[in-house]
Amino acid sequence: MNQLINYTLHLADNTLVLAQRNSEWCAHGPILEQDIAITNISLDLIGQSRNFYQYAAQLINENTLASSSSDKVYSGSTGAKGEVTEDSLAYIRTEREFKNCLLVELPNGDWGQTILRQFFFSVYQYLLYEQMQNSSDVQLSAIAEKSIKEVTYHVRWSSEWLIRLGDGTEESRQRMLKAIDYLWMYTGELFIPASFELIMNIDHEIVKEKWMDKIKCVFEEATLPVPDGTYMQSGGKEGKHTEHLGFVLADLQYLQRTYPGAEW
């Protein structure tokens, strides 16, 4: 049960943190159409995170009822009725309790860096959900089946922008090369399963192989080089984050921490 809870929180944290990052572009996009597009992607990710947090809260509350106080998997703040809720999981936990990959918490940088981060994660997410649809866990399977329709669009949208920028002007190409140099070292963590991921019937080697095939295909069309032999950063799944996550959560959690239990 504990591993399933941690895995569900991992999925929820990934989507919530990336949604928060993308939402920083709201009213700041390069053109109105793409401002709306990145905002809608943020909303898709928030919807996915809500589904995962609601399921995690259900599992935690069931676990708490069945366990002694010393065996509780989660001892953080709870909702008004003394139960863990999706809000308490999103707004009360500290950065060391978040299990998201490092990639999603990194700064937006310029438009090219945001596009590349979204592309890397969306391709991974699509392949993950593709396998998760066959999970024996009915709830996770259903969330994956619903979400993969959204992620299909995220992959197409970010791919088109990646090609446009990589094979565009000299300046846009240089910006993409700089983004690759910064973000690539954070992609390896996606395919290094944490202990809680081992409970799922996910073949991470197949996911990695298909992910790389897609990356090479789109990079080739964008006339961009695929890095080789880069040292990979990791630790996010175990709660060891970059300094950036604390600032993301300070913004995200401000209202609930200032006015505990506030509802609207």
C-alpha atoms as a PDB file:
ATOM      1  CA  MET A   1       0.000   0.000   0.000  1.00  0.00           C
ATOM      2  CA  ASN A   2       2.756   2.470   0.952  1.00  0.00           C
ATOM      3  CA  GLN A   3       4.571   1.970  -2.340  1.00  0.00           C
ATOM      4  CA  LEU A   4       1.382   2.508  -4.318  1.00  0.00           C
ATOM      5  CA  ILE A   5       0.739   5.728  -2.410  1.00  0.00           C
ATOM      6  CA  ASN A   6       4.273   6.973  -3.071  1.00  0.00           C
ATOM      7  CA  TYR A   7       3.998   6.087  -6.743  1.00  0.00           C
ATOM      8  CA  THR A   8       0.696   7.930  -7.094  1.00  0.00           C
ATOM      9  CA  LEU A   9       2.154  10.973  -5.327  1.00  0.00           C
ATOM     10  CA  HIS A  10       5.133  10.856  -7.679  1.00  0.00           C
ATOM     11  CA  LEU A  11       2.805  11.046 -10.687  1.00  0.00           C
ATOM     12  CA  ALA A  12       0.774  13.820  -9.088  1.00  0.00           C
ATOM     13  CA  ASP A  13       3.828  15.867  -8.115  1.00  0.00           C
ATOM     14  CA  ASN A  14       5.289  15.669 -11.630  1.00  0.00           C
ATOM     15  CA  THR A  15       2.182  17.080 -13.237  1.00  0.00           C
ATOM     16  CA  LEU A  16       1.455  19.704 -10.570  1.00  0.00           C
ATOM     17  CA  VAL A  17       4.954  21.181 -10.527  1.00  0.00           C
ATOM     18  CA  LEU A  18       5.198  21.309 -14.326  1.00  0.00           C
ATOM     19  CA  ALA A  19       1.743  22.904 -14.488  1.00  0.00           C
ATOM     20  CA  GLN A  20       2.860  25.559 -12.029  1.00  0.00           C
ATOM     21  CA  ARG A  21       5.974  26.232 -14.078  1.00  0.00           C
ATOM     22  CA  ASN A  22       4.046  26.486 -17.354  1.00  0.00           C
ATOM     23  CA  SER A  23       1.426  28.755 -15.789  1.00  0.00           C
ATOM     24  CA  GLU A  24       4.134  31.376 -15.284  1.00  0.00           C
ATOM     25  CA  TRP A  25       3.809  32.031 -19.018  1.00  0.00           C
ATOM     26  CA  CYS A  26       0.149  33.057 -18.674  1.00  0.00           C
ATOM     27  CA  ALA A  27      -0.148  36.561 -20.247  1.00  0.00           C
ATOM     28  CA  HIS A  28       3.574  36.432 -21.120  1.00  0.00           C
ATOM     29  CA  GLY A  29       3.558  34.093 -24.147  1.00  0.00           C
ATOM     30  CA  PRO A  30       5.207  35.219 -27.402  1.00  0.00           C
ATOM     31  CA  ILE A  31       1.843  35.516 -29.183  1.00  0.00           C
ATOM     32  CA  LEU A  32      -1.743  35.258 -27.933  1.00  0.00           C
ATOM     33  CA  GLU A  33      -2.444  31.880 -29.571  1.00  0.00           C
ATOM     34  CA  GLN A  34       0.571  30.230 -27.923  1.00  0.00           C
ATOM     35  CA  ASP A  35      -0.113  32.001 -24.628  1.00  0.00           C
ATOM     36  CA  ILE A  36      -3.490  30.265 -24.623  1.00  0.00           C
ATOM     37  CA  ALA A  37      -1.935  26.953 -25.721  1.00  0.00           C
ATOM     38  CA  ILE A  38       0.635  26.786 -22.904  1.00  0.00           C
ATOM     39  CA  THR A  39      -2.031  27.846 -20.392  1.00  0.00           C
ATOM     40  CA  ASN A  40      -4.358  25.082 -21.584  1.00  0.00           C
ATOM     41  CA  ILE A  41      -1.520  22.563 -21.247  1.00  0.00           C
ATOM     42  CA  SER A  42      -1.080  23.784 -17.668  1.00  0.00           C
ATOM     43  CA  LEU A  43      -4.780  23.172 -17.035  1.00  0.00           C
ATOM     44  CA  ASP A  44      -4.513  19.662 -18.510  1.00  0.00           C
ATOM     45  CA  LEU A  45      -1.631  18.892 -16.164  1.00  0.00           C
ATOM     46  CA  ILE A  46      -3.474  20.311 -13.158  1.00  0.00           C
ATOM     47  CA  GLY A  47      -6.445  18.092 -14.019  1.00  0.00           C
ATOM     48  CA  GLN A  48      -4.166  15.060 -14.123  1.00  0.00           C
ATOM     49  CA  SER A  49      -2.549  16.004 -10.822  1.00  0.00           C
ATOM     50  CA  ARG A  50      -5.971  16.361  -9.185  1.00  0.00           C
ATOM     51  CA  ASN A  51      -6.938  12.854 -10.285  1.00  0.00           C
ATOM     52  CA  PHE A  52      -3.724  11.416  -8.868  1.00  0.00           C
ATOM     53  CA  TYR A  53      -3.922  13.416  -5.604  1.00  0.00           C
ATOM     54  CA  GLN A  54      -7.529  12.391  -5.060  1.00  0.00           C
ATOM     55  CA  TYR A  55      -6.582   8.747  -5.482  1.00  0.00           C
ATOM     56  CA  ALA A  56      -3.539   9.140  -3.220  1.00  0.00           C
ATOM     57  CA  ALA A  57      -5.701  10.807  -0.545  1.00  0.00           C
ATOM     58  CA  GLN A  58      -8.183   7.938  -0.747  1.00  0.00           C
ATOM     59  CA  LEU A  59      -5.401   5.373  -0.326  1.00  0.00           C
ATOM     60  CA  ILE A  60      -3.830   7.275   2.583  1.00  0.00           C
ATOM     61  CA  ASN A  61      -7.131   7.620   4.444  1.00  0.00           C
ATOM     62  CA  GLU A  62      -7.869   3.925   3.953  1.00  0.00           C
ATOM     63  CA  ASN A  63      -4.374   3.073   5.153  1.00  0.00           C
ATOM     64  CA  THR A  64      -4.766   5.287   8.217  1.00  0.00           C
ATOM     65  CA  LEU A  65      -8.006   3.595   9.225  1.00  0.00           C
ATOM     66  CA  ALA A  66      -6.407   0.177   8.898  1.00  0.00           C
ATOM     67  CA  SER A  67      -3.144   1.031  10.681  1.00  0.00           C
ATOM     68  CA  SER A  68      -1.975   2.122  14.100  1.00  0.00           C
ATOM     69  CA  SER A  69      -0.748   5.711  14.444  1.00  0.00           C
ATOM     70  CA  SER A  70       2.882   4.525  14.268  1.00  0.00           C
ATOM     71  CA  ASP A  71       2.243   2.821  10.919  1.00  0.00           C
ATOM     72  CA  LYS A  72       0.731   5.815   9.124  1.00  0.00           C
ATOM     73  CA  VAL A  73       2.287   6.457   5.735  1.00  0.00           C
ATOM     74  CA  TYR A  74       1.453  10.161   5.891  1.00  0.00           C
ATOM     75  CA  SER A  75       1.548  12.332   9.012  1.00  0.00           C
ATOM     76  CA  GLY A  76       1.099  15.784   7.465  1.00  0.00           C
ATOM     77  CA  SER A  77      -1.740  18.252   7.811  1.00  0.00           C
ATOM     78  CA  THR A  78      -5.245  17.136   7.001  1.00  0.00           C
ATOM     79  CA  GLY A  79      -8.481  18.696   5.850  1.00  0.00           C
ATOM     80  CA  ALA A  80     -11.251  20.140   7.971  1.00  0.00           C
ATOM     81  CA  LYS A  81     -12.688  16.684   8.699  1.00  0.00           C
ATOM     82  CA  GLY A  82      -9.349  15.277   9.799  1.00  0.00           C
ATOM     83  CA  GLU A  83      -8.783  13.454   6.524  1.00  0.00           C
ATOM     84  CA  VAL A  84      -6.031  13.864   3.990  1.00  0.00           C
ATOM     85  CA  THR A  85      -7.297  15.687   0.904  1.00  0.00           C
ATOM     86  CA  GLU A  86      -5.944  16.576  -2.514  1.00  0.00           C
ATOM     87  CA  ASP A  87      -5.436  20.119  -1.202  1.00  0.00           C
ATOM     88  CA  SER A  88      -3.412  19.051   1.834  1.00  0.00           C
ATOM     89  CA  LEU A  89      -1.203  16.880  -0.372  1.00  0.00           C
ATOM     90  CA  ALA A  90      -0.591  19.716  -2.832  1.00  0.00           C
ATOM     91  CA  TYR A  91      -0.367  22.689  -0.469  1.00  0.00           C
ATOM     92  CA  ILE A  92       0.997  21.473   2.859  1.00  0.00           C
ATOM     93  CA  ARG A  93       3.837  19.062   2.095  1.00  0.00           C
ATOM     94  CA  THR A  94       7.402  20.417   2.116  1.00  0.00           C
ATOM     95  CA  GLU A  95       9.815  20.158  -0.810  1.00  0.00           C
ATOM     96  CA  ARG A  96      11.549  17.122   0.739  1.00  0.00           C
ATOM     97  CA  GLU A  97       8.192  15.315   0.631  1.00  0.00           C
ATOM     98  CA  PHE A  98       7.651  16.008  -3.062  1.00  0.00           C
ATOM     99  CA  LYS A  99       8.659  13.136  -5.357  1.00  0.00           C
ATOM    100  CA  ASN A 100       8.699  14.849  -8.742  1.00  0.00           C
ATOM    101  CA  CYS A 101      11.567  14.493 -11.193  1.00  0.00           C
ATOM    102  CA  LEU A 102      14.067  17.338 -11.258  1.00  0.00           C
ATOM    103  CA  LEU A 103      13.277  18.154 -14.894  1.00  0.00           C
ATOM    104  CA  VAL A 104       9.821  19.581 -14.210  1.00  0.00           C
ATOM    105  CA  GLU A 105      10.945  22.000 -11.509  1.00  0.00           C
ATOM    106  CA  LEU A 106      13.650  23.708 -13.555  1.00  0.00           C
ATOM    107  CA  PRO A 107      13.161  27.388 -14.490  1.00  0.00           C
ATOM    108  CA  ASN A 108      11.293  28.284 -17.673  1.00  0.00           C
ATOM    109  CA  GLY A 109      14.201  30.238 -19.116  1.00  0.00           C
ATOM    110  CA  ASP A 110      13.264  31.514 -22.566  1.00  0.00           C
ATOM    111  CA  TRP A 111      10.473  30.146 -24.763  1.00  0.00           C
ATOM    112  CA  GLY A 112      12.801  27.591 -26.343  1.00  0.00           C
ATOM    113  CA  GLN A 113      13.835  26.138 -22.986  1.00  0.00           C
ATOM    114  CA  THR A 114      10.196  25.832 -21.913  1.00  0.00           C
ATOM    115  CA  ILE A 115       9.308  24.099 -25.189  1.00  0.00           C
ATOM    116  CA  LEU A 116      12.181  21.624 -24.873  1.00  0.00           C
ATOM    117  CA  ARG A 117      11.340  20.787 -21.251  1.00  0.00           C
ATOM    118  CA  GLN A 118       7.713  20.162 -22.239  1.00  0.00           C
ATOM    119  CA  PHE A 119       8.778  18.019 -25.195  1.00  0.00           C
ATOM    120  CA  PHE A 120      11.121  15.850 -23.128  1.00  0.00           C
ATOM    121  CA  PHE A 121       8.527  15.285 -20.419  1.00  0.00           C
ATOM    122  CA  SER A 122       5.486  14.857 -22.676  1.00  0.00           C
ATOM    123  CA  VAL A 123       7.150  12.155 -24.792  1.00  0.00           C
ATOM    124  CA  TYR A 124       8.101  10.315 -21.596  1.00  0.00           C
ATOM    125  CA  GLN A 125       4.637  10.814 -20.128  1.00  0.00           C
ATOM    126  CA  TYR A 126       2.929   9.497 -23.265  1.00  0.00           C
ATOM    127  CA  LEU A 127       5.017   6.308 -23.268  1.00  0.00           C
ATOM    128  CA  LEU A 128       4.479   5.850 -19.524  1.00  0.00           C
ATOM    129  CA  TYR A 129       0.708   6.264 -19.770  1.00  0.00           C
ATOM    130  CA  GLU A 130       0.687   3.949 -22.782  1.00  0.00           C
ATOM    131  CA  GLN A 131       1.947   1.139 -20.554  1.00  0.00           C
ATOM    132  CA  MET A 132       0.014   2.269 -17.482  1.00  0.00           C
ATOM    133  CA  GLN A 133      -3.267   1.746 -19.311  1.00  0.00           C
ATOM    134  CA  ASN A 134      -2.621  -1.980 -18.861  1.00  0.00           C
ATOM    135  CA  SER A 135      -2.044  -1.662 -15.105  1.00  0.00           C
ATOM    136  CA  SER A 136      -3.847  -4.022 -12.768  1.00  0.00           C
ATOM    137  CA  ASP A 137      -4.702  -0.943 -10.678  1.00  0.00           C
ATOM    138  CA  VAL A 138      -8.045   0.065 -12.160  1.00  0.00           C
ATOM    139  CA  GLN A 139      -7.862   3.680 -10.976  1.00  0.00           C
ATOM    140  CA  LEU A 140      -4.384   4.387 -12.352  1.00  0.00           C
ATOM    141  CA  SER A 141      -5.294   2.649 -15.587  1.00  0.00           C
ATOM    142  CA  ALA A 142      -8.373   4.851 -15.987  1.00  0.00           C
ATOM    143  CA  ILE A 143      -6.428   8.061 -15.278  1.00  0.00           C
ATOM    144  CA  ALA A 144      -3.788   7.060 -17.827  1.00  0.00           C
ATOM    145  CA  GLU A 145      -6.401   6.232 -20.447  1.00  0.00           C
ATOM    146  CA  LYS A 146      -8.070   9.620 -20.017  1.00  0.00           C
ATOM    147  CA  SER A 147      -4.843  11.616 -19.774  1.00  0.00           C
ATOM    148  CA  ILE A 148      -3.058  10.113 -22.770  1.00  0.00           C
ATOM    149  CA  LYS A 149      -5.465  11.927 -25.091  1.00  0.00           C
ATOM    150  CA  GLU A 150      -4.262  15.235 -23.653  1.00  0.00           C
ATOM    151  CA  VAL A 151      -0.609  14.217 -23.681  1.00  0.00           C
ATOM    152  CA  THR A 152      -0.868  13.287 -27.375  1.00  0.00           C
ATOM    153  CA  TYR A 153      -1.587  16.942 -28.086  1.00  0.00           C
ATOM    154  CA  HIS A 154       1.219  18.093 -25.770  1.00  0.00           C
ATOM    155  CA  VAL A 155       3.724  15.968 -27.725  1.00  0.00           C
ATOM    156  CA  ARG A 156       2.514  17.257 -31.090  1.00  0.00           C
ATOM    157  CA  TRP A 157       2.463  20.903 -29.982  1.00  0.00           C
ATOM    158  CA  SER A 158       5.940  20.847 -28.414  1.00  0.00           C
ATOM    159  CA  SER A 159       7.374  18.857 -31.368  1.00  0.00           C
ATOM    160  CA  GLU A 160       6.136  21.417 -33.880  1.00  0.00           C
ATOM    161  CA  TRP A 161       7.644  24.279 -31.868  1.00  0.00           C
ATOM    162  CA  LEU A 162      10.925  22.417 -31.403  1.00  0.00           C
ATOM    163  CA  ILE A 163      11.266  21.937 -35.165  1.00  0.00           C
ATOM    164  CA  ARG A 164      10.297  25.547 -35.846  1.00  0.00           C
ATOM    165  CA  LEU A 165      12.912  26.896 -33.443  1.00  0.00           C
ATOM    166  CA  GLY A 166      15.695  24.415 -34.170  1.00  0.00           C
ATOM    167  CA  ASP A 167      15.428  24.801 -37.934  1.00  0.00           C
ATOM    168  CA  GLY A 168      14.560  28.502 -37.790  1.00  0.00           C
ATOM    169  CA  THR A 169      16.827  31.502 -37.491  1.00  0.00           C
ATOM    170  CA  GLU A 170      20.410  31.370 -36.279  1.00  0.00           C
ATOM    171  CA  GLU A 171      19.326  32.969 -33.000  1.00  0.00           C
ATOM    172  CA  SER A 172      16.494  30.488 -32.386  1.00  0.00           C
ATOM    173  CA  ARG A 173      18.852  27.598 -33.169  1.00  0.00           C
ATOM    174  CA  GLN A 174      21.472  28.869 -30.728  1.00  0.00           C
ATOM    175  CA  ARG A 175      18.827  29.229 -28.040  1.00  0.00           C
ATOM    176  CA  MET A 176      17.734  25.629 -28.578  1.00  0.00           C
ATOM    177  CA  LEU A 177      21.326  24.403 -28.407  1.00  0.00           C
ATOM    178  CA  LYS A 178      21.712  26.244 -25.106  1.00  0.00           C
ATOM    179  CA  ALA A 179      18.464  24.715 -23.814  1.00  0.00           C
ATOM    180  CA  ILE A 180      19.630  21.206 -24.773  1.00  0.00           C
ATOM    181  CA  ASP A 181      22.929  21.764 -22.995  1.00  0.00           C
ATOM    182  CA  TYR A 182      21.070  22.761 -19.817  1.00  0.00           C
ATOM    183  CA  LEU A 183      18.165  20.293 -19.767  1.00  0.00           C
ATOM    184  CA  TRP A 184      19.629  17.082 -21.162  1.00  0.00           C
ATOM    185  CA  MET A 185      21.411  16.124 -17.946  1.00  0.00           C
ATOM    186  CA  TYR A 186      18.037  15.992 -16.159  1.00  0.00           C
ATOM    187  CA  THR A 187      16.388  13.535 -18.560  1.00  0.00           C
ATOM    188  CA  GLY A 188      18.174  10.395 -17.329  1.00  0.00           C
ATOM    189  CA  GLU A 189      16.273  10.423 -14.036  1.00  0.00           C
ATOM    190  CA  LEU A 190      13.027   9.737 -15.896  1.00  0.00           C
ATOM    191  CA  PHE A 191      14.197   6.185 -16.625  1.00  0.00           C
ATOM    192  CA  ILE A 192      15.853   5.330 -13.313  1.00  0.00           C
ATOM    193  CA  PRO A 193      13.034   3.684 -11.330  1.00  0.00           C
ATOM    194  CA  ALA A 194      12.739   4.516  -7.654  1.00  0.00           C
ATOM    195  CA  SER A 195      11.784   1.700  -5.282  1.00  0.00           C
ATOM    196  CA  PHE A 196       8.114   2.699  -5.359  1.00  0.00           C
ATOM    197  CA  GLU A 197       8.034   2.468  -9.172  1.00  0.00           C
ATOM    198  CA  LEU A 198       8.962  -1.198  -9.113  1.00  0.00           C
ATOM    199  CA  ILE A 199       5.450  -2.161  -8.023  1.00  0.00           C
ATOM    200  CA  MET A 200       4.106  -1.159 -11.438  1.00  0.00           C
ATOM    201  CA  ASN A 201       4.365  -3.375 -14.485  1.00  0.00           C
ATOM    202  CA  ILE A 202       6.294  -0.716 -16.417  1.00  0.00           C
ATOM    203  CA  ASP A 203       9.282  -1.679 -18.559  1.00  0.00           C
ATOM    204  CA  HIS A 204      11.485   1.393 -18.127  1.00  0.00           C
ATOM    205  CA  GLU A 205      14.018   0.131 -20.659  1.00  0.00           C
ATOM    206  CA  ILE A 206      11.353  -0.011 -23.369  1.00  0.00           C
ATOM    207  CA  VAL A 207      10.111   3.440 -22.370  1.00  0.00           C
ATOM    208  CA  LYS A 208      13.672   4.778 -22.589  1.00  0.00           C
ATOM    209  CA  GLU A 209      14.293   3.139 -25.963  1.00  0.00           C
ATOM    210  CA  LYS A 210      11.080   4.498 -27.485  1.00  0.00           C
ATOM    211  CA  TRP A 211      11.683   7.911 -25.907  1.00  0.00           C
ATOM    212  CA  MET A 212      15.127   8.112 -27.465  1.00  0.00           C
ATOM    213  CA  ASP A 213      13.772   7.063 -30.850  1.00  0.00           C
ATOM    214  CA  LYS A 214      11.232   9.895 -30.742  1.00  0.00           C
ATOM    215  CA  ILE A 215      13.831  12.408 -29.555  1.00  0.00           C
ATOM    216  CA  LYS A 216      16.215  11.469 -32.387  1.00  0.00           C
ATOM    217  CA  CYS A 217      13.441  11.658 -34.982  1.00  0.00           C
ATOM    218  CA  VAL A 218      12.266  15.149 -33.981  1.00  0.00           C
ATOM    219  CA  PHE A 219      15.801  16.449 -33.349  1.00  0.00           C
ATOM    220  CA  GLU A 220      16.831  15.311 -36.820  1.00  0.00           C
ATOM    221  CA  GLU A 221      13.946  17.225 -38.383  1.00  0.00           C
ATOM    222  CA  ALA A 222      14.877  20.232 -36.242  1.00  0.00           C
ATOM    223  CA  THR A 223      18.534  19.878 -37.353  1.00  0.00           C
ATOM    224  CA  LEU A 224      19.617  19.642 -33.718  1.00  0.00           C
ATOM    225  CA  PRO A 225      22.266  17.273 -32.299  1.00  0.00           C
ATOM    226  CA  VAL A 226      21.413  14.631 -29.708  1.00  0.00           C
ATOM    227  CA  PRO A 227      23.909  14.828 -26.803  1.00  0.00           C
ATOM    228  CA  ASP A 228      25.999  11.793 -25.966  1.00  0.00           C
ATOM    229  CA  GLY A 229      27.712  10.702 -22.764  1.00  0.00           C
ATOM    230  CA  THR A 230      26.337  13.443 -20.508  1.00  0.00           C
ATOM    231  CA  TYR A 231      26.350  12.934 -16.719  1.00  0.00           C
ATOM    232  CA  MET A 232      22.772  12.595 -15.486  1.00  0.00           C
ATOM    233  CA  GLN A 233      21.382  14.332 -12.415  1.00  0.00           C
ATOM    234  CA  SER A 234      18.921  12.529 -10.138  1.00  0.00           C
ATOM    235  CA  GLY A 235      17.390  12.611  -6.667  1.00  0.00           C
ATOM    236  CA  GLY A 236      14.007  14.246  -7.153  1.00  0.00           C
ATOM    237  CA  LYS A 237      12.065  11.020  -6.694  1.00  0.00           C
ATOM    238  CA  GLU A 238      13.712  10.635  -3.269  1.00  0.00           C
ATOM    239  CA  GLY A 239      12.953  14.226  -2.258  1.00  0.00           C
ATOM    240  CA  LYS A 240      16.408  15.636  -3.079  1.00  0.00           C
ATOM    241  CA  HIS A 241      15.578  18.628  -5.215  1.00  0.00           C
ATOM    242  CA  THR A 242      17.238  21.618  -6.781  1.00  0.00           C
ATOM    243  CA  GLU A 243      16.951  24.984  -5.064  1.00  0.00           C
ATOM    244  CA  HIS A 244      14.260  25.909  -7.594  1.00  0.00           C
ATOM    245  CA  LEU A 245      11.481  23.747  -6.132  1.00  0.00           C
ATOM    246  CA  GLY A 246      11.374  25.700  -2.869  1.00  0.00           C
ATOM    247  CA  PHE A 247      10.573  28.886  -4.783  1.00  0.00           C
ATOM    248  CA  VAL A 248       7.913  27.111  -6.867  1.00  0.00           C
ATOM    249  CA  LEU A 249       6.185  25.824  -3.716  1.00  0.00           C
ATOM    250  CA  ALA A 250       6.504  29.170  -1.936  1.00  0.00           C
ATOM    251  CA  ASP A 251       4.356  30.662  -4.674  1.00  0.00           C
ATOM    252  CA  LEU A 252       2.028  27.683  -5.067  1.00  0.00           C
ATOM    253  CA  GLN A 253       1.390  27.133  -1.350  1.00  0.00           C
ATOM    254  CA  TYR A 254       1.362  30.716  -0.088  1.00  0.00           C
ATOM    255  CA  LEU A 255      -2.398  31.098   0.396  1.00  0.00           C
ATOM    256  CA  GLN A 256      -2.957  27.807   2.232  1.00  0.00           C
ATOM    257  CA  ARG A 257       0.026  28.376   4.497  1.00  0.00           C
ATOM    258  CA  THR A 258      -0.992  31.960   5.251  1.00  0.00           C
ATOM    259  CA  TYR A 259      -4.680  31.129   5.761  1.00  0.00           C
ATOM    260  CA  PRO A 260      -4.788  27.446   6.788  1.00  0.00           C
ATOM    261  CA  GLY A 261      -8.000  25.693   5.813  1.00  0.00           C
ATOM    262  CA  ALA A 262      -9.166  28.488   3.518  1.00  0.00           C
ATOM    263  CA  GLU A 263     -11.810  27.354   1.029  1.00  0.00           C
ATOM    264  CA  TRP A 264     -13.346  29.034  -1.991  1.00  0.00           C
END
